[in-house]
Amino acid sequence: MKPRVFLFDLGGVVCRFHRERRLELLGAACGLPARRVEEELYSAGLISAWDRGEGSADDVEGEIRGRLGFTGTSGELRRIWCGAFEPDPDVLAAVDLVRGHPAALFTDNDALLRAALPEWLPDVNGRFDALAFSCALGATKPAEEAFAGALGLLGATAGEAFFVDDREANVRAARELGLTAVLFEGGAALRRTLHELPTG
């Protein structure tokens, strides 16, 4: 079956993800070393919990304020939170090749990023019909529930979908479920794949 809907991973595909940049920006805003931010959010397991949907955007913000002493505005925090993501122009051009078909940003990420995306990453947000965030789906890739939730947002079956991700485990799981899936190997390669792909 020819793909008629498209699922794109965020960090590592549509955007380059710079974890250190987030740690440094947030640390600077709180007067803390980046290492302390890492310990409080990542090592403590909060990021993983938030990705699974344990906390609304307000909950995430409140936890960051409480743990790190952040005193800036909500807008400043959202800017910092999105600051770790650098849109890849080549991938955005690849996404534009299938703009006539339903497309979703399919990512393991938290509610704060989902809320911040439209304002702070508008070039990314504006290219997608749905934001299939793990925090809203209640499951992370490569779980079958995550794929089912993302496909549901686009009203599609697995056989109707094309998926690209930078993690082999996610690509393998997608193929096992019946999606057409490719491992991300750069924006130019993705453009060639999408240009040559027969679509429904």
Protein backbone atom coordinates (compact mmCIF):
# COMPACT_ATOMS: atom_id res chain seq x y z
CA MET A 1 0.00 0.00 0.00
CA LYS A 2 1.28 3.48 -0.85
CA PRO A 3 1.77 5.76 2.17
CA ARG A 4 -0.80 8.51 2.54
CA VAL A 5 0.25 9.85 5.98
CA PHE A 6 3.69 10.70 7.34
CA LEU A 7 5.23 10.52 10.80
CA PHE A 8 8.45 12.38 11.59
CA ASP A 9 10.54 12.14 14.75
CA LEU A 10 11.50 15.47 16.35
CA GLY A 11 14.86 15.29 18.14
CA GLY A 12 17.47 13.80 15.85
CA VAL A 13 15.38 14.16 12.69
CA VAL A 14 13.33 17.35 12.23
CA CYS A 15 15.57 19.12 14.74
CA ARG A 16 19.04 18.54 16.04
CA PHE A 17 18.73 18.09 19.79
CA HIS A 18 21.40 19.73 21.96
CA ARG A 19 20.84 18.48 25.49
CA GLU A 20 23.87 20.38 26.80
CA ARG A 21 22.43 23.64 25.52
CA ARG A 22 19.27 23.13 27.55
CA LEU A 23 21.28 22.32 30.66
CA GLU A 24 23.50 25.37 30.21
CA LEU A 25 20.66 27.80 29.46
CA LEU A 26 18.55 26.59 32.36
CA GLY A 27 21.53 26.52 34.69
CA ALA A 28 22.49 30.07 33.75
CA ALA A 29 18.93 31.26 34.37
CA CYS A 30 18.92 29.64 37.81
CA GLY A 31 22.48 30.42 38.84
CA LEU A 32 23.37 26.72 38.88
CA PRO A 33 25.98 24.60 37.09
CA ALA A 34 24.69 22.54 34.20
CA ARG A 35 25.65 19.41 36.12
CA ARG A 36 23.13 20.25 38.84
CA VAL A 37 20.35 20.67 36.27
CA GLU A 38 21.28 17.30 34.81
CA GLU A 39 21.07 15.67 38.23
CA GLU A 40 17.76 17.26 39.21
CA LEU A 41 15.91 16.59 35.95
CA TYR A 42 17.53 13.80 33.96
CA SER A 43 19.35 11.63 36.49
CA ALA A 44 16.40 11.87 38.87
CA GLY A 45 14.14 10.38 36.19
CA LEU A 46 11.84 13.38 35.87
CA ILE A 47 12.38 13.84 32.13
CA SER A 48 11.46 10.22 31.46
CA ALA A 49 8.38 10.50 33.68
CA TRP A 50 7.26 13.67 31.94
CA ASP A 51 7.75 12.03 28.54
CA ARG A 52 5.36 9.28 29.68
CA GLY A 53 2.73 11.89 30.49
CA GLU A 54 3.25 12.21 34.24
CA GLY A 55 2.61 15.93 34.50
CA SER A 56 0.94 18.74 32.60
CA ALA A 57 2.88 21.72 31.25
CA ASP A 58 2.07 23.60 34.46
CA ASP A 59 3.23 20.62 36.53
CA VAL A 60 6.53 20.48 34.68
CA GLU A 61 7.05 24.21 35.10
CA GLY A 62 6.24 24.03 38.80
CA GLU A 63 8.68 21.19 39.34
CA ILE A 64 11.45 23.08 37.56
CA ARG A 65 10.79 26.18 39.64
CA GLY A 66 10.79 24.16 42.85
CA ARG A 67 13.86 22.07 42.15
CA LEU A 68 16.04 24.63 40.42
CA GLY A 69 14.77 27.92 41.82
CA PHE A 70 13.80 29.28 38.40
CA THR A 71 12.17 32.71 38.88
CA GLY A 72 11.70 33.87 35.29
CA THR A 73 8.43 34.09 33.38
CA SER A 74 6.64 31.13 31.86
CA GLY A 75 7.57 32.46 28.44
CA GLU A 76 11.25 32.58 29.33
CA LEU A 77 11.16 28.99 30.55
CA ARG A 78 9.44 27.83 27.38
CA ARG A 79 12.02 29.62 25.27
CA ILE A 80 14.81 27.88 27.18
CA TRP A 81 13.05 24.51 26.97
CA CYS A 82 12.79 24.81 23.19
CA GLY A 83 16.33 26.20 22.93
CA ALA A 84 17.76 22.70 22.84
CA PHE A 85 16.13 22.08 19.45
CA GLU A 86 17.73 23.36 16.25
CA PRO A 87 15.52 22.90 13.16
CA ASP A 88 17.29 21.15 10.29
CA PRO A 89 16.57 23.12 7.09
CA ASP A 90 17.17 20.06 4.90
CA VAL A 91 14.61 18.03 6.84
CA LEU A 92 12.06 20.84 6.79
CA ALA A 93 12.50 20.91 3.00
CA ALA A 94 11.88 17.16 2.97
CA VAL A 95 8.70 17.59 5.01
CA ASP A 96 7.55 20.18 2.49
CA LEU A 97 7.64 17.52 -0.23
CA VAL A 98 4.67 15.76 1.39
CA ARG A 99 2.74 18.81 2.57
CA GLY A 100 -0.29 17.66 0.59
CA HIS A 101 -0.64 14.64 2.87
CA PRO A 102 -1.50 14.46 6.58
CA ALA A 103 1.66 14.57 8.69
CA ALA A 104 2.44 14.30 12.38
CA LEU A 105 5.39 15.13 14.56
CA PHE A 106 5.85 11.86 16.46
CA THR A 107 8.11 12.33 19.46
CA ASP A 108 8.92 11.17 22.96
CA ASN A 109 8.62 14.49 24.76
CA ASP A 110 6.89 16.32 27.58
CA ALA A 111 3.86 18.57 27.91
CA LEU A 112 5.92 21.73 28.43
CA LEU A 113 7.63 21.31 25.07
CA ARG A 114 4.31 20.53 23.40
CA ALA A 115 2.81 23.73 24.80
CA ALA A 116 5.86 25.80 23.85
CA LEU A 117 6.32 24.51 20.32
CA PRO A 118 3.84 26.79 18.47
CA GLU A 119 5.44 29.99 19.79
CA TRP A 120 9.10 29.07 20.00
CA LEU A 121 9.50 26.65 17.08
CA PRO A 122 6.85 27.97 14.67
CA ASP A 123 8.64 26.76 11.52
CA VAL A 124 8.42 23.24 12.89
CA ASN A 125 4.94 23.43 14.37
CA GLY A 126 3.40 24.94 11.25
CA ARG A 127 4.40 22.03 9.05
CA PHE A 128 2.42 19.38 10.91
CA ASP A 129 -1.26 18.54 11.15
CA ALA A 130 -0.85 16.75 14.49
CA LEU A 131 1.54 16.74 17.43
CA ALA A 132 1.84 13.10 18.48
CA PHE A 133 3.73 13.62 21.74
CA SER A 134 4.31 10.68 24.03
CA CYS A 135 3.10 12.73 27.00
CA ALA A 136 -0.35 12.90 25.39
CA LEU A 137 -0.29 9.38 23.95
CA GLY A 138 0.59 7.84 27.31
CA ALA A 139 3.35 5.72 25.78
CA THR A 140 6.81 6.17 24.31
CA LYS A 141 8.35 4.62 21.22
CA PRO A 142 8.85 1.80 20.39
CA ALA A 143 5.71 0.67 22.25
CA GLU A 144 2.85 -0.41 20.00
CA GLU A 145 0.52 1.89 21.96
CA ALA A 146 2.57 4.90 20.93
CA PHE A 147 2.31 4.04 17.24
CA ALA A 148 -1.40 3.29 17.56
CA GLY A 149 -1.99 6.65 19.19
CA ALA A 150 -0.03 8.57 16.56
CA LEU A 151 -1.81 6.80 13.71
CA GLY A 152 -5.13 7.48 15.40
CA LEU A 153 -4.46 11.21 15.35
CA LEU A 154 -4.14 11.01 11.56
CA GLY A 155 -6.99 8.54 11.10
CA ALA A 156 -4.72 6.04 9.42
CA THR A 157 -3.75 2.38 9.57
CA ALA A 158 -0.16 1.19 9.87
CA GLY A 159 -0.09 0.16 6.21
CA GLU A 160 -0.96 3.71 5.16
CA ALA A 161 1.90 5.35 7.05
CA PHE A 162 5.50 6.35 6.41
CA PHE A 163 7.75 6.86 9.44
CA VAL A 164 11.28 8.21 9.89
CA ASP A 165 13.30 8.06 13.11
CA ASP A 166 16.95 8.17 14.11
CA ARG A 167 16.73 5.12 16.38
CA GLU A 168 16.97 1.65 14.89
CA ALA A 169 14.74 0.12 17.59
CA ASN A 170 11.91 2.50 16.70
CA VAL A 171 12.27 1.86 12.98
CA ARG A 172 12.31 -1.89 13.53
CA ALA A 173 9.18 -1.73 15.70
CA ALA A 174 7.40 0.37 13.10
CA ARG A 175 8.20 -2.12 10.35
CA GLU A 176 6.97 -5.00 12.49
CA LEU A 177 3.67 -3.14 12.87
CA GLY A 178 3.36 -2.68 9.12
CA LEU A 179 4.52 0.91 8.62
CA THR A 180 6.91 1.89 5.86
CA ALA A 181 9.83 3.02 8.02
CA VAL A 182 13.34 4.32 7.35
CA LEU A 183 16.29 5.11 9.56
CA PHE A 184 17.26 8.78 9.34
CA GLU A 185 20.56 9.26 7.54
CA GLY A 186 20.44 12.98 6.87
CA GLY A 187 18.13 15.51 5.29
CA ALA A 188 19.41 15.02 1.75
CA ALA A 189 18.83 11.26 1.92
CA LEU A 190 15.36 11.78 3.35
CA ARG A 191 14.48 14.20 0.55
CA ARG A 192 15.54 11.64 -2.04
CA THR A 193 13.51 8.92 -0.33
CA LEU A 194 10.37 11.03 -0.15
CA HIS A 195 10.79 12.33 -3.69
CA GLU A 196 10.97 8.79 -5.04
CA LEU A 197 8.28 7.37 -2.76
CA PRO A 198 4.97 6.50 -4.44
CA THR A 199 2.15 7.98 -2.35
CA GLY A 200 -1.52 7.22 -2.03
